[in-house]
Amino acid sequence: GEGREADLIRDLLRRFHEKLPVALQLSFVDRHDWRRWIENKVLANFPAPTKERTPMQILESLATISRELLMEDDMDRVLKHLMDAAMRLSAAENGFLVLRSEETEGPIPGFSVVVARNVAKEALESQDFAFSLSAIREAMEKGQPVVTDNALQDPRFSQAKSVQLHELKSILALPINGRRGVLGVFYLDHRFEAGLFDEAQLQALRAFADQAALALQKAQMIEELKKANAHLTDQVEEQSDQLHRMQMELAESRLKLKYEYSEIVGRSPKMVEVLSLVDKITDSRISVWIFGESGTGKESIARALHFNSGRAKQPFVAENCSALPETLMESELFGHKRGAFTHADKDKKGILEYAHRGTIFLDEIADLSLNLQAKLLRFLQEGEIRPLGSNEVVKVDVRVVSASNKDLQELVEQGKFREDLYFRLNGVTIHLPPLRERMEDLPLLVEHFLKKAAAGEGKEPCRVSMEVLRQFMNYPWPGNIRELQNTLETAALFAENGAIGLKALAFKPILLGKKKAMKHLMMKTVAKETMDPELEKLLLAIRDNGYHKGNAAQALGISRRNLYTKLEKFGVPVELKELKSYIDDKFV
């Protein structure tokens, strides 16, 4: 159209001017009459841009701009669209857009020129544009448009060098107001058209500025989300790489072990540490005490010690010391002669003799009576046993591996376990971590137990849904690995199409977080202000020191005996399992 051709002519004149020698350029700039004469002659055949538009036309223009902006979320393209739309809607000759930024230097500290039309960004730093920048600052400070119909005749602007030099007539500094103040300013001007930004035009441009604010805030939000997403992606990738390296290192750590330990599942650092220790002591005769909660797999460690050693072809005998009364337990350990007691109608070998040249595993050793502790100590010291009812001793070569979920050292201090026996049994201590402290092994354990259960039934192993795995990961497993195994074996019975979903866990409501099943957990919440301050201090010290009462006493600055006295005063149980339960009931 004619307007486009006029723009082309202006552009041609501008290029022609730039090709002139510097002296002629300066002469042309200084001789305003020459420039005006050339521009008027060349552009005389083209009508001035019309500013008379109907409300419907304005509405259509704004609607078109909205559609264009809705299609964009890239900040650079949004800025270009906004500047082009401002030029098109206002019919301005020159313009640029200034936005808030972190820049502290430049024409307007705290703001930067992000896009311009018919104005070089570098030129804005010159004194020629000082007026334009002052108008922008005023619009920013007031949040209102700064406008003039004819700058050459307006006493506010007529003395400005840039107004005189460029013979500016219509000028508008239009602020873009956001939720948190001014986001930026459109600067628009025209050299030939006076009154370009009249009230009707200004109203339309204000509406456009509101559109621009929404578009900018949307683009900025998307830009921030992209940056945050990129940062998060980098973090995830970095953590994934770290996790992969750790998994590889842990897998390699297991490969470096001397023995395979096929029945012990786990690659967590704590389990690799345990197996590394087992590796070192397997071929020795040293006594081993395994300390860990019920269900953590203490017997599996004992079996590994035996079947990987030179005693593997000899008997492995396991006995639970809390399973039998004292009289029967003595016979079970040392054997008896016919007639040694009522119903002893024949000779019987004790398990210590039966395990000759092999390994005996004494589980729950803490439950042995003091009388039996003395007899077991004699066997460990002399390497011989005397069956009940016999005057003869029998030489026995047996490696003893013991285990308990109670701290033998604490029982020694309480007078419930012989100190000399403790030292004999505790050649090496293996601390077996509870499942909640090695949750990274849980997926491997789930897969292992499902395969094991399926093999026993001659079926294909079940799969576990991600929802179930998440529930498993959030559950503390107080019964440890044994509880997990039993849970999976039962859940497999309710699997549908070979998959264990949440429905298959209905038999164990606590895993699903059911209200009734969780009621006891809610009851654990006790208002701290109702607890005796001294008791609270004692319990927190014990909990914060890993339930080790010696360390807790040291942290409190009192003796262990004093700590026991205080606990007794408040009726607090001192055995580890009961103490943990008591503290858990006091604090969530």
Protein backbone atom coordinates (compact mmCIF):
# COMPACT_ATOMS: atom_id res chain seq x y z
CA GLY A 1 0.00 0.00 0.00
CA GLU A 2 0.93 3.67 -0.11
CA GLY A 3 2.02 3.69 3.55
CA ARG A 4 4.45 0.84 2.90
CA GLU A 5 5.90 2.68 -0.14
CA ALA A 6 6.40 5.82 1.95
CA ASP A 7 8.30 3.78 4.52
CA LEU A 8 10.47 2.33 1.75
CA ILE A 9 11.28 5.85 0.48
CA ARG A 10 12.21 7.00 3.98
CA ASP A 11 14.41 3.95 4.40
CA LEU A 12 16.05 4.65 1.01
CA LEU A 13 16.78 8.26 2.06
CA ARG A 14 18.25 7.07 5.32
CA ARG A 15 20.55 4.63 3.55
CA PHE A 16 21.53 7.32 1.04
CA HIS A 17 22.44 9.60 3.95
CA GLU A 18 24.58 6.91 5.56
CA LYS A 19 26.58 6.47 2.34
CA LEU A 20 27.50 10.16 2.18
CA PRO A 21 30.95 11.30 3.33
CA VAL A 22 31.01 12.34 6.98
CA ALA A 23 31.35 16.03 6.12
CA LEU A 24 28.25 15.93 3.90
CA GLN A 25 26.37 13.94 6.55
CA LEU A 26 27.07 16.63 9.12
CA SER A 27 26.16 19.35 6.62
CA PHE A 28 22.90 17.60 5.85
CA VAL A 29 22.09 17.23 9.55
CA ASP A 30 22.90 20.87 10.22
CA ARG A 31 20.84 22.17 7.24
CA HIS A 32 17.36 21.35 8.47
CA ASP A 33 15.81 23.18 5.54
CA TRP A 34 17.54 20.93 3.00
CA ARG A 35 16.41 17.80 4.81
CA ARG A 36 12.83 19.01 5.20
CA TRP A 37 12.73 20.10 1.53
CA ILE A 38 13.93 16.68 0.30
CA GLU A 39 11.61 14.75 2.59
CA ASN A 40 8.59 16.91 1.73
CA LYS A 41 9.28 16.69 -2.02
CA VAL A 42 9.76 12.94 -2.03
CA LEU A 43 6.90 12.16 0.33
CA ALA A 44 4.46 14.73 -1.03
CA ASN A 45 2.68 12.13 -3.14
CA PHE A 46 1.98 9.95 -0.12
CA PRO A 47 -0.78 10.75 2.30
CA ALA A 48 0.05 11.03 5.99
CA PRO A 49 -0.92 8.05 8.09
CA THR A 50 -4.50 8.39 9.17
CA LYS A 51 -5.24 8.44 12.84
CA GLU A 52 -8.98 8.49 12.42
CA ARG A 53 -10.12 4.96 13.19
CA THR A 54 -13.43 3.66 14.37
CA PRO A 55 -13.72 1.93 17.77
CA MET A 56 -14.37 -1.32 15.91
CA GLN A 57 -11.13 -0.97 13.97
CA ILE A 58 -9.22 -0.31 17.18
CA LEU A 59 -10.88 -3.32 18.80
CA GLU A 60 -9.98 -5.49 15.81
CA SER A 61 -6.37 -4.29 15.99
CA LEU A 62 -6.15 -5.11 19.68
CA ALA A 63 -7.75 -8.53 19.08
CA THR A 64 -5.20 -9.26 16.35
CA ILE A 65 -2.36 -8.27 18.67
CA SER A 66 -3.79 -10.52 21.42
CA ARG A 67 -3.92 -13.50 19.06
CA GLU A 68 -0.33 -12.92 17.99
CA LEU A 69 0.88 -12.66 21.58
CA LEU A 70 -1.02 -15.76 22.67
CA MET A 71 0.89 -17.79 20.10
CA GLU A 72 4.26 -16.78 21.58
CA ASP A 73 6.01 -17.72 24.79
CA ASP A 74 9.62 -17.01 23.77
CA MET A 75 10.70 -13.74 25.37
CA ASP A 76 12.69 -12.43 22.37
CA ARG A 77 9.83 -13.03 19.96
CA VAL A 78 7.31 -11.53 22.39
CA LEU A 79 9.40 -8.36 22.63
CA LYS A 80 9.62 -8.04 18.84
CA HIS A 81 5.86 -8.61 18.50
CA LEU A 82 5.15 -5.96 21.14
CA MET A 83 7.40 -3.37 19.50
CA ASP A 84 5.98 -4.03 16.03
CA ALA A 85 2.44 -3.89 17.40
CA ALA A 86 3.16 -0.59 19.17
CA MET A 87 4.54 0.92 15.97
CA ARG A 88 1.63 -0.37 13.92
CA LEU A 89 -1.08 0.66 16.37
CA SER A 90 0.36 4.14 17.04
CA ALA A 91 1.59 4.88 13.46
CA ALA A 92 4.79 6.18 15.09
CA GLU A 93 7.93 6.75 13.07
CA ASN A 94 10.50 5.69 15.68
CA GLY A 95 10.30 3.76 18.89
CA PHE A 96 12.01 1.53 21.42
CA LEU A 97 11.08 -0.54 24.44
CA VAL A 98 12.77 -0.26 27.83
CA LEU A 99 12.37 -3.02 30.46
CA ARG A 100 13.50 -3.55 34.03
CA SER A 101 16.80 -5.44 34.28
CA GLU A 102 19.65 -6.13 36.67
CA GLU A 103 21.96 -3.86 34.70
CA THR A 104 23.44 -1.06 36.79
CA GLU A 105 25.04 0.81 33.91
CA GLY A 106 23.70 2.32 30.71
CA PRO A 107 21.35 5.23 29.91
CA ILE A 108 18.84 4.22 32.62
CA PRO A 109 20.34 2.19 35.50
CA GLY A 110 18.06 -0.71 36.40
CA PHE A 111 16.53 -0.72 32.93
CA SER A 112 17.75 -1.70 29.48
CA VAL A 113 16.66 -1.10 25.90
CA VAL A 114 15.52 -4.52 24.68
CA VAL A 115 14.19 -3.74 21.20
CA ALA A 116 14.08 -0.66 18.94
CA ARG A 117 12.66 0.41 15.58
CA ASN A 118 14.41 2.99 13.40
CA VAL A 119 16.70 3.86 16.32
CA ALA A 120 20.14 2.38 16.95
CA LYS A 121 20.51 1.20 20.55
CA GLU A 122 24.00 2.71 20.68
CA ALA A 123 22.61 6.13 19.76
CA LEU A 124 20.46 6.15 22.88
CA GLU A 125 23.55 6.72 25.01
CA SER A 126 24.32 9.99 23.22
CA GLN A 127 23.18 13.39 24.44
CA ASP A 128 20.83 13.60 21.45
CA PHE A 129 18.43 11.27 23.23
CA ALA A 130 18.70 12.79 26.70
CA PHE A 131 15.17 14.20 26.41
CA SER A 132 13.72 10.83 25.37
CA LEU A 133 15.29 9.19 28.41
CA SER A 134 14.05 11.93 30.75
CA ALA A 135 10.50 11.41 29.43
CA ILE A 136 10.89 7.66 30.04
CA ARG A 137 12.08 8.24 33.60
CA GLU A 138 9.08 10.49 34.28
CA ALA A 139 6.68 7.85 32.92
CA MET A 140 8.36 5.21 35.11
CA GLU A 141 8.17 7.31 38.26
CA LYS A 142 4.54 8.38 37.81
CA GLY A 143 3.23 5.25 36.09
CA GLN A 144 1.37 7.58 33.70
CA PRO A 145 1.93 8.41 30.00
CA VAL A 146 4.09 11.42 29.12
CA VAL A 147 2.68 12.85 25.88
CA THR A 148 2.90 15.95 23.70
CA ASP A 149 1.07 16.84 20.48
CA ASN A 150 3.85 19.09 19.15
CA ALA A 151 7.15 19.03 21.01
CA LEU A 152 8.53 22.02 19.06
CA GLN A 153 5.73 24.23 20.38
CA ASP A 154 5.43 22.65 23.84
CA PRO A 155 7.31 24.80 26.41
CA ARG A 156 8.12 21.64 28.39
CA PHE A 157 10.08 20.12 25.51
CA SER A 158 10.87 22.79 22.91
CA GLN A 159 14.32 23.62 24.35
CA ALA A 160 15.49 19.99 24.34
CA LYS A 161 18.40 19.46 21.95
CA SER A 162 17.01 16.18 20.60
CA VAL A 163 13.61 17.80 19.90
CA GLN A 164 15.24 20.63 17.96
CA LEU A 165 17.74 18.40 16.18
CA HIS A 166 15.18 15.86 15.00
CA GLU A 167 12.29 18.36 14.77
CA LEU A 168 10.09 16.02 16.77
CA LYS A 169 6.39 16.74 16.96
CA SER A 170 4.42 13.85 18.53
CA ILE A 171 6.10 12.12 21.49
CA LEU A 172 4.74 9.44 23.83
CA ALA A 173 6.39 7.64 26.76
CA LEU A 174 3.87 4.87 27.60
CA PRO A 175 4.43 2.91 30.83
CA ILE A 176 3.67 -0.80 31.07
CA ASN A 177 2.16 -1.28 34.52
CA GLY A 178 2.36 -4.75 36.07
CA ARG A 179 1.26 -6.19 39.37
CA ARG A 180 4.46 -5.06 41.09
CA GLY A 181 4.92 -1.65 39.51
CA VAL A 182 6.20 -0.46 36.16
CA LEU A 183 7.63 -3.27 34.03
CA GLY A 184 8.90 -0.98 31.31
CA VAL A 185 8.11 1.89 28.93
CA PHE A 186 7.34 2.21 25.23
CA TYR A 187 8.93 5.33 23.72
CA LEU A 188 7.26 6.43 20.44
CA ASP A 189 7.67 9.59 18.35
CA HIS A 190 6.96 11.11 14.92
CA ARG A 191 8.73 14.01 13.20
CA PHE A 192 5.99 15.03 10.79
CA GLU A 193 2.67 14.29 12.44
CA ALA A 194 1.49 16.64 15.16
CA GLY A 195 -1.25 15.44 17.52
CA LEU A 196 -0.60 11.79 16.62
CA PHE A 197 -1.31 10.62 20.17
CA ASP A 198 -4.69 12.23 20.80
CA GLU A 199 -7.10 11.08 23.53
CA ALA A 200 -8.71 8.32 21.43
CA GLN A 201 -5.34 7.02 20.29
CA LEU A 202 -3.99 7.21 23.83
CA GLN A 203 -6.92 5.20 25.14
CA ALA A 204 -6.24 2.45 22.61
CA LEU A 205 -2.52 2.49 23.45
CA ARG A 206 -3.27 2.25 27.18
CA ALA A 207 -5.32 -0.89 26.48
CA PHE A 208 -2.43 -2.21 24.41
CA ALA A 209 -0.01 -1.49 27.29
CA ASP A 210 -2.20 -3.63 29.56
CA GLN A 211 -2.01 -6.43 26.99
CA ALA A 212 1.75 -5.96 26.84
CA ALA A 213 2.00 -6.24 30.64
CA LEU A 214 0.16 -9.57 30.61
CA ALA A 215 2.25 -10.85 27.71
CA LEU A 216 5.50 -9.79 29.38
CA GLN A 217 4.56 -11.31 32.74
CA LYS A 218 3.55 -14.54 31.03
CA ALA A 219 6.79 -14.64 29.00
CA GLN A 220 8.86 -13.80 32.09
CA MET A 221 7.16 -16.53 34.08
CA ILE A 222 7.74 -19.05 31.28
CA GLU A 223 11.35 -17.87 31.01
CA GLU A 224 11.84 -18.35 34.75
CA LEU A 225 10.17 -21.76 34.59
CA LYS A 226 12.45 -22.76 31.71
CA LYS A 227 15.50 -21.64 33.66
CA ALA A 228 14.27 -23.41 36.80
CA ASN A 229 13.48 -26.51 34.76
CA ALA A 230 16.90 -26.39 33.10
CA HIS A 231 18.53 -25.97 36.52
CA LEU A 232 16.44 -28.82 37.93
CA THR A 233 17.25 -30.98 34.91
CA ASP A 234 20.95 -30.28 35.43
CA GLN A 235 20.62 -31.15 39.10
CA VAL A 236 18.69 -34.35 38.32
CA GLU A 237 21.25 -35.33 35.70
CA GLU A 238 24.08 -34.58 38.08
CA GLN A 239 22.44 -36.53 40.89
CA SER A 240 21.60 -39.33 38.47
CA ASP A 241 25.24 -39.45 37.41
CA GLN A 242 26.33 -39.46 41.04
CA LEU A 243 23.82 -42.20 41.85
CA HIS A 244 24.96 -44.22 38.84
CA ARG A 245 28.59 -43.83 39.90
CA MET A 246 27.71 -44.84 43.45
CA GLN A 247 25.77 -47.87 42.21
CA MET A 248 28.69 -48.85 40.01
CA GLU A 249 31.12 -48.36 42.88
CA LEU A 250 28.92 -50.37 45.24
CA ALA A 251 28.46 -53.10 42.62
CA GLU A 252 32.22 -53.16 42.11
CA SER A 253 32.68 -53.24 45.89
CA ARG A 254 30.57 -56.39 46.04
CA LEU A 255 32.50 -57.88 43.12
CA LYS A 256 35.74 -57.23 45.00
CA LEU A 257 34.50 -59.29 47.95
CA LYS A 258 36.20 -62.62 48.40
CA TYR A 259 32.90 -64.50 48.71
CA GLU A 260 29.66 -64.30 46.75
CA TYR A 261 27.05 -64.04 49.56
CA SER A 262 24.23 -65.06 47.23
CA GLU A 263 21.71 -65.27 50.06
CA ILE A 264 22.52 -61.78 51.36
CA VAL A 265 20.87 -59.15 49.19
CA GLY A 266 22.03 -55.55 49.25
CA ARG A 267 24.38 -53.04 47.69
CA SER A 268 23.91 -50.20 50.13
CA PRO A 269 27.06 -48.75 51.70
CA LYS A 270 26.12 -50.16 55.10
CA MET A 271 25.67 -53.69 53.77
CA VAL A 272 28.87 -53.55 51.70
CA GLU A 273 30.65 -52.46 54.89
CA VAL A 274 29.17 -55.44 56.77
CA LEU A 275 30.12 -57.91 54.04
CA SER A 276 33.64 -56.47 53.82
CA LEU A 277 34.05 -57.18 57.53
CA VAL A 278 32.61 -60.69 57.13
CA ASP A 279 35.07 -61.21 54.28
CA LYS A 280 38.01 -60.51 56.58
CA ILE A 281 36.97 -62.81 59.44
CA THR A 282 35.40 -65.75 57.60
CA ASP A 283 38.52 -67.94 57.59
CA SER A 284 39.50 -67.22 61.19
CA ARG A 285 38.47 -69.04 64.38
CA ILE A 286 37.57 -65.79 66.15
CA SER A 287 34.23 -65.62 67.97
CA VAL A 288 31.68 -63.25 66.43
CA TRP A 289 28.79 -61.38 68.02
CA ILE A 290 26.12 -60.08 65.62
CA PHE A 291 24.12 -57.17 67.01
CA GLY A 292 20.93 -56.11 65.25
CA GLU A 293 17.17 -55.80 65.52
CA SER A 294 14.89 -58.80 65.06
CA GLY A 295 14.44 -59.76 61.43
CA THR A 296 17.59 -58.08 60.11
CA GLY A 297 19.14 -61.34 58.87
CA LYS A 298 21.58 -62.25 61.64
CA GLU A 299 21.39 -65.98 60.89
CA SER A 300 22.15 -65.30 57.21
CA ILE A 301 25.41 -63.63 58.26
CA ALA A 302 26.23 -66.56 60.53
CA ARG A 303 25.59 -69.03 57.68
CA ALA A 304 27.81 -66.98 55.37
CA LEU A 305 30.61 -67.11 57.97
CA HIS A 306 30.30 -70.90 58.12
CA PHE A 307 29.65 -71.95 54.53
CA ASN A 308 32.38 -69.72 53.08
CA SER A 309 34.94 -70.98 55.59
CA GLY A 310 37.03 -74.12 55.78
CA ARG A 311 34.35 -75.58 58.08
CA ALA A 312 31.72 -75.56 55.32
CA LYS A 313 31.62 -79.38 55.03
CA GLN A 314 31.05 -79.77 58.76
CA PRO A 315 27.79 -79.14 60.66
CA PHE A 316 26.19 -75.72 61.06
CA VAL A 317 23.87 -75.75 64.07
CA ALA A 318 21.56 -72.86 64.99
CA GLU A 319 19.85 -72.56 68.36
CA ASN A 320 17.57 -69.87 69.81
CA CYS A 321 18.59 -69.40 73.43
CA SER A 322 15.19 -67.98 74.40
CA ALA A 323 13.20 -70.90 72.98
CA LEU A 324 13.73 -73.41 75.81
CA PRO A 325 13.63 -73.30 79.63
CA GLU A 326 16.99 -73.40 81.45
CA THR A 327 16.98 -77.15 82.27
CA LEU A 328 16.20 -78.19 78.71
CA MET A 329 18.58 -75.60 77.30
CA GLU A 330 21.50 -77.02 79.27
CA SER A 331 20.77 -80.49 77.91
CA GLU A 332 20.39 -79.05 74.42
CA LEU A 333 23.80 -77.39 74.58
CA PHE A 334 25.90 -79.96 76.44
CA GLY A 335 23.94 -83.21 76.08
CA HIS A 336 23.10 -85.69 78.81
CA LYS A 337 23.58 -89.29 79.94
CA ARG A 338 20.81 -91.78 80.40
CA GLY A 339 19.15 -91.26 83.82
CA ALA A 340 20.59 -87.76 84.27
CA PHE A 341 17.07 -86.47 84.95
CA THR A 342 13.47 -87.62 84.69
CA HIS A 343 12.59 -88.93 81.23
CA ALA A 344 16.30 -89.03 80.23
CA ASP A 345 15.93 -92.61 78.98
CA LYS A 346 18.94 -92.57 76.67
CA ASP A 347 22.18 -90.72 76.01
CA LYS A 348 21.96 -87.59 73.91
CA LYS A 349 24.66 -85.53 72.24
CA GLY A 350 24.51 -81.80 72.85
CA ILE A 351 24.56 -79.42 69.90
CA LEU A 352 28.06 -78.25 70.84
CA GLU A 353 29.35 -81.80 70.42
CA TYR A 354 27.26 -82.33 67.31
CA ALA A 355 28.76 -79.19 65.75
CA HIS A 356 32.34 -80.50 66.30
CA ARG A 357 34.68 -78.92 63.70
CA GLY A 358 31.77 -76.86 62.47
CA THR A 359 29.95 -73.72 63.61
CA ILE A 360 27.27 -73.12 66.21
CA PHE A 361 25.01 -70.10 66.00
CA LEU A 362 23.51 -69.03 69.33
CA ASP A 363 20.72 -66.57 68.64
CA GLU A 364 19.29 -64.35 71.40
CA ILE A 365 22.35 -65.12 73.55
CA ALA A 366 21.30 -62.34 75.91
CA ASP A 367 18.46 -64.54 77.20
CA LEU A 368 20.77 -67.23 78.62
CA SER A 369 20.54 -67.58 82.41
CA LEU A 370 23.60 -66.61 84.47
CA ASN A 371 24.06 -70.31 85.37
CA LEU A 372 24.24 -71.35 81.73
CA GLN A 373 26.43 -68.36 80.94
CA ALA A 374 29.01 -69.71 83.40
CA LYS A 375 28.96 -73.17 81.78
CA LEU A 376 29.21 -71.71 78.27
CA LEU A 377 32.18 -69.60 79.41
CA ARG A 378 33.98 -72.75 80.64
CA PHE A 379 33.46 -74.37 77.24
CA LEU A 380 34.87 -71.30 75.45
CA GLN A 381 37.89 -71.20 77.76
CA GLU A 382 38.72 -74.93 77.84
CA GLY A 383 37.29 -76.16 74.55
CA GLU A 384 35.52 -79.02 76.33
CA ILE A 385 32.05 -79.92 77.57
CA ARG A 386 30.64 -82.23 80.24
CA PRO A 387 27.21 -83.71 79.44
CA LEU A 388 24.64 -83.76 82.24
CA GLY A 389 25.03 -86.83 84.41
CA SER A 390 28.55 -87.56 83.14
CA ASN A 391 31.95 -87.36 84.86
CA GLU A 392 33.84 -87.31 81.59
CA VAL A 393 34.67 -84.29 79.49
CA VAL A 394 34.49 -84.22 75.73
CA LYS A 395 36.92 -82.12 73.68
CA VAL A 396 35.06 -80.06 71.09
CA ASP A 397 36.32 -77.77 68.29
CA VAL A 398 33.49 -75.42 67.47
CA ARG A 399 33.42 -71.87 66.19
CA VAL A 400 30.81 -69.85 68.12
CA VAL A 401 28.78 -67.14 66.43
CA SER A 402 26.28 -65.44 68.73
CA ALA A 403 23.62 -62.82 68.12
CA SER A 404 21.14 -60.66 70.01
CA ASN A 405 18.87 -57.68 69.58
CA LYS A 406 19.90 -56.45 73.03
CA ASP A 407 23.11 -54.59 73.75
CA LEU A 408 25.25 -57.04 75.73
CA GLN A 409 27.46 -54.23 77.01
CA GLU A 410 24.45 -52.57 78.62
CA LEU A 411 23.35 -55.90 80.11
CA VAL A 412 26.84 -56.32 81.56
CA GLU A 413 26.55 -52.91 83.22
CA GLN A 414 23.15 -53.90 84.61
CA GLY A 415 24.60 -57.15 86.03
CA LYS A 416 22.44 -59.29 83.73
CA PHE A 417 25.26 -60.68 81.59
CA ARG A 418 28.70 -61.90 82.55
CA GLU A 419 31.44 -59.52 81.51
CA ASP A 420 34.00 -62.33 81.01
CA LEU A 421 31.58 -64.18 78.73
CA TYR A 422 30.88 -60.98 76.81
CA PHE A 423 34.59 -60.57 76.06
CA ARG A 424 34.84 -64.22 74.97
CA LEU A 425 31.88 -63.96 72.64
CA ASN A 426 32.71 -60.53 71.32
CA GLY A 427 35.92 -61.21 69.44
CA VAL A 428 34.45 -59.18 66.57
CA THR A 429 31.15 -57.30 66.60
CA ILE A 430 29.06 -57.08 63.43
CA HIS A 431 26.45 -54.32 63.60
CA LEU A 432 23.63 -55.31 61.25
CA PRO A 433 21.60 -52.23 60.14
CA PRO A 434 17.78 -52.27 60.23
CA LEU A 435 15.97 -52.14 56.90
CA ARG A 436 14.90 -48.52 57.43
CA GLU A 437 18.60 -47.53 57.38
CA ARG A 438 19.27 -49.27 54.06
CA MET A 439 16.11 -48.48 52.08
CA GLU A 440 18.11 -48.27 48.85
CA ASP A 441 18.27 -52.08 49.07
CA LEU A 442 14.49 -52.46 49.32
CA PRO A 443 13.77 -52.83 45.54
CA LEU A 444 16.48 -55.54 45.32
CA LEU A 445 15.02 -57.34 48.34
CA VAL A 446 11.50 -57.16 46.88
CA GLU A 447 12.68 -58.71 43.62
CA HIS A 448 14.68 -61.39 45.47
CA PHE A 449 11.83 -62.49 47.74
CA LEU A 450 9.26 -62.53 44.92
CA LYS A 451 11.55 -64.75 42.83
CA LYS A 452 12.15 -66.99 45.83
CA ALA A 453 8.42 -67.30 46.57
CA ALA A 454 7.60 -68.02 42.92
CA ALA A 455 10.30 -70.70 42.70
CA GLY A 456 8.77 -72.46 45.69
CA GLU A 457 5.38 -72.50 43.96
CA GLY A 458 6.73 -73.26 40.50
CA LYS A 459 5.29 -70.01 39.13
CA GLU A 460 6.46 -66.86 37.43
CA PRO A 461 7.45 -64.14 39.94
CA CYS A 462 4.94 -61.35 40.53
CA ARG A 463 5.55 -57.73 39.65
CA VAL A 464 5.14 -54.84 42.09
CA SER A 465 3.48 -51.59 41.00
CA MET A 466 5.21 -48.24 41.56
CA GLU A 467 2.42 -47.24 43.96
CA VAL A 468 3.15 -50.28 46.14
CA LEU A 469 6.89 -49.65 45.99
CA ARG A 470 6.29 -46.05 47.13
CA GLN A 471 4.21 -47.31 50.08
CA PHE A 472 7.00 -49.74 50.94
CA MET A 473 9.61 -46.98 50.83
CA ASN A 474 7.54 -44.82 53.22
CA TYR A 475 6.98 -47.61 55.75
CA PRO A 476 9.53 -48.03 58.61
CA TRP A 477 9.47 -51.88 58.61
CA PRO A 478 9.82 -52.47 62.36
CA GLY A 479 10.04 -56.21 61.63
CA ASN A 480 12.79 -55.55 59.09
CA ILE A 481 13.59 -58.04 56.31
CA ARG A 482 11.53 -60.84 57.86
CA GLU A 483 8.45 -58.58 57.87
CA LEU A 484 9.09 -57.60 54.24
CA GLN A 485 9.43 -61.22 53.16
CA ASN A 486 6.22 -62.28 54.94
CA THR A 487 4.37 -59.28 53.50
CA LEU A 488 5.43 -60.11 49.93
CA GLU A 489 4.57 -63.79 50.28
CA THR A 490 1.06 -62.89 51.45
CA ALA A 491 0.61 -60.10 48.89
CA ALA A 492 1.54 -62.52 46.09
CA LEU A 493 -1.55 -64.55 46.97
CA PHE A 494 -3.75 -61.53 46.16
CA ALA A 495 -1.90 -60.48 43.01
CA GLU A 496 -4.02 -59.84 39.90
CA ASN A 497 -2.61 -60.86 36.52
CA GLY A 498 0.81 -61.32 38.09
CA ALA A 499 0.93 -57.78 39.50
CA ILE A 500 0.83 -56.73 43.17
CA GLY A 501 -1.19 -53.51 43.38
CA LEU A 502 -2.48 -51.56 46.34
CA LYS A 503 -5.54 -53.84 46.59
CA ALA A 504 -3.24 -56.77 47.29
CA LEU A 505 -2.07 -55.00 50.47
CA ALA A 506 -5.54 -54.81 51.99
CA PHE A 507 -4.55 -57.50 54.52
CA LYS A 508 -2.04 -55.01 56.00
CA PRO A 509 -3.93 -51.68 56.32
CA ILE A 510 -1.02 -49.85 57.95
CA LEU A 511 0.84 -50.01 54.63
CA LEU A 512 -2.04 -48.16 52.99
CA GLY A 513 -2.19 -45.49 55.68
CA LYS A 514 -5.74 -46.44 56.79
CA LYS A 515 -7.07 -44.27 59.61
CA LYS A 516 -7.76 -47.12 62.02
CA ALA A 517 -4.39 -48.73 61.40
CA MET A 518 -2.62 -45.40 61.86
CA LYS A 519 -4.51 -44.48 65.02
CA HIS A 520 -1.73 -45.70 67.29
CA LEU A 521 0.76 -43.55 65.38
CA MET A 522 -1.42 -40.51 66.00
CA MET A 523 -1.49 -41.37 69.69
CA LYS A 524 2.29 -41.01 69.76
CA THR A 525 1.94 -37.25 69.56
CA VAL A 526 2.30 -36.02 73.09
CA ALA A 527 2.34 -32.34 73.97
CA LYS A 528 5.88 -31.56 75.11
CA GLU A 529 4.70 -29.13 77.76
CA THR A 530 3.01 -31.98 79.69
CA MET A 531 6.30 -33.91 79.96
CA ASP A 532 8.65 -33.35 82.86
CA PRO A 533 11.52 -31.16 81.54
CA GLU A 534 14.15 -33.41 83.16
CA LEU A 535 12.60 -36.52 81.60
CA GLU A 536 12.41 -34.83 78.21
CA LYS A 537 16.09 -33.88 78.45
CA LEU A 538 17.05 -37.47 79.33
CA LEU A 539 15.02 -39.06 76.51
CA LEU A 540 16.22 -36.60 73.89
CA ALA A 541 19.84 -37.22 74.89
CA ILE A 542 19.36 -40.98 74.56
CA ARG A 543 17.60 -40.66 71.20
CA ASP A 544 20.14 -38.19 69.80
CA ASN A 545 22.99 -40.52 70.78
CA GLY A 546 21.58 -43.51 68.92
CA TYR A 547 20.03 -45.01 72.07
CA HIS A 548 23.50 -45.61 73.50
CA LYS A 549 23.10 -44.82 77.17
CA GLY A 550 26.82 -44.44 77.84
CA ASN A 551 27.14 -41.74 75.19
CA ALA A 552 23.91 -40.13 76.38
CA ALA A 553 25.24 -39.97 79.96
CA GLN A 554 28.46 -38.41 78.69
CA ALA A 555 26.50 -35.83 76.71
CA LEU A 556 24.46 -34.99 79.82
CA GLY A 557 27.60 -34.72 81.94
CA ILE A 558 26.53 -37.46 84.37
CA SER A 559 27.67 -41.01 85.11
CA ARG A 560 26.00 -44.01 83.55
CA ARG A 561 24.88 -45.16 87.00
CA ASN A 562 23.30 -41.73 87.60
CA LEU A 563 21.49 -42.01 84.27
CA TYR A 564 20.03 -45.40 85.24
CA THR A 565 18.90 -43.95 88.58
CA LYS A 566 17.09 -41.10 86.84
CA LEU A 567 15.45 -43.46 84.33
CA GLU A 568 14.29 -45.69 87.18
CA LYS A 569 12.86 -42.63 88.96
CA PHE A 570 10.63 -41.88 85.94
CA GLY A 571 9.76 -45.54 85.34
CA VAL A 572 11.56 -45.65 81.99
CA PRO A 573 12.52 -49.17 80.78
CA VAL A 574 16.26 -49.61 80.28
CA GLU A 575 16.36 -52.55 77.85
CA LEU A 576 17.07 -51.30 74.34
CA LYS A 577 13.94 -52.56 72.57
CA GLU A 578 11.55 -51.37 75.28
CA LEU A 579 13.43 -48.09 75.65
CA LYS A 580 13.13 -47.36 71.91
CA SER A 581 9.43 -48.11 72.01
CA TYR A 582 8.98 -45.87 75.04
CA ILE A 583 10.81 -42.94 73.43
CA ASP A 584 8.93 -43.43 70.14
CA ASP A 585 5.68 -43.18 72.09
CA LYS A 586 6.81 -39.87 73.56
CA PHE A 587 8.05 -38.24 70.37
CA VAL A 588 6.75 -38.50 66.80
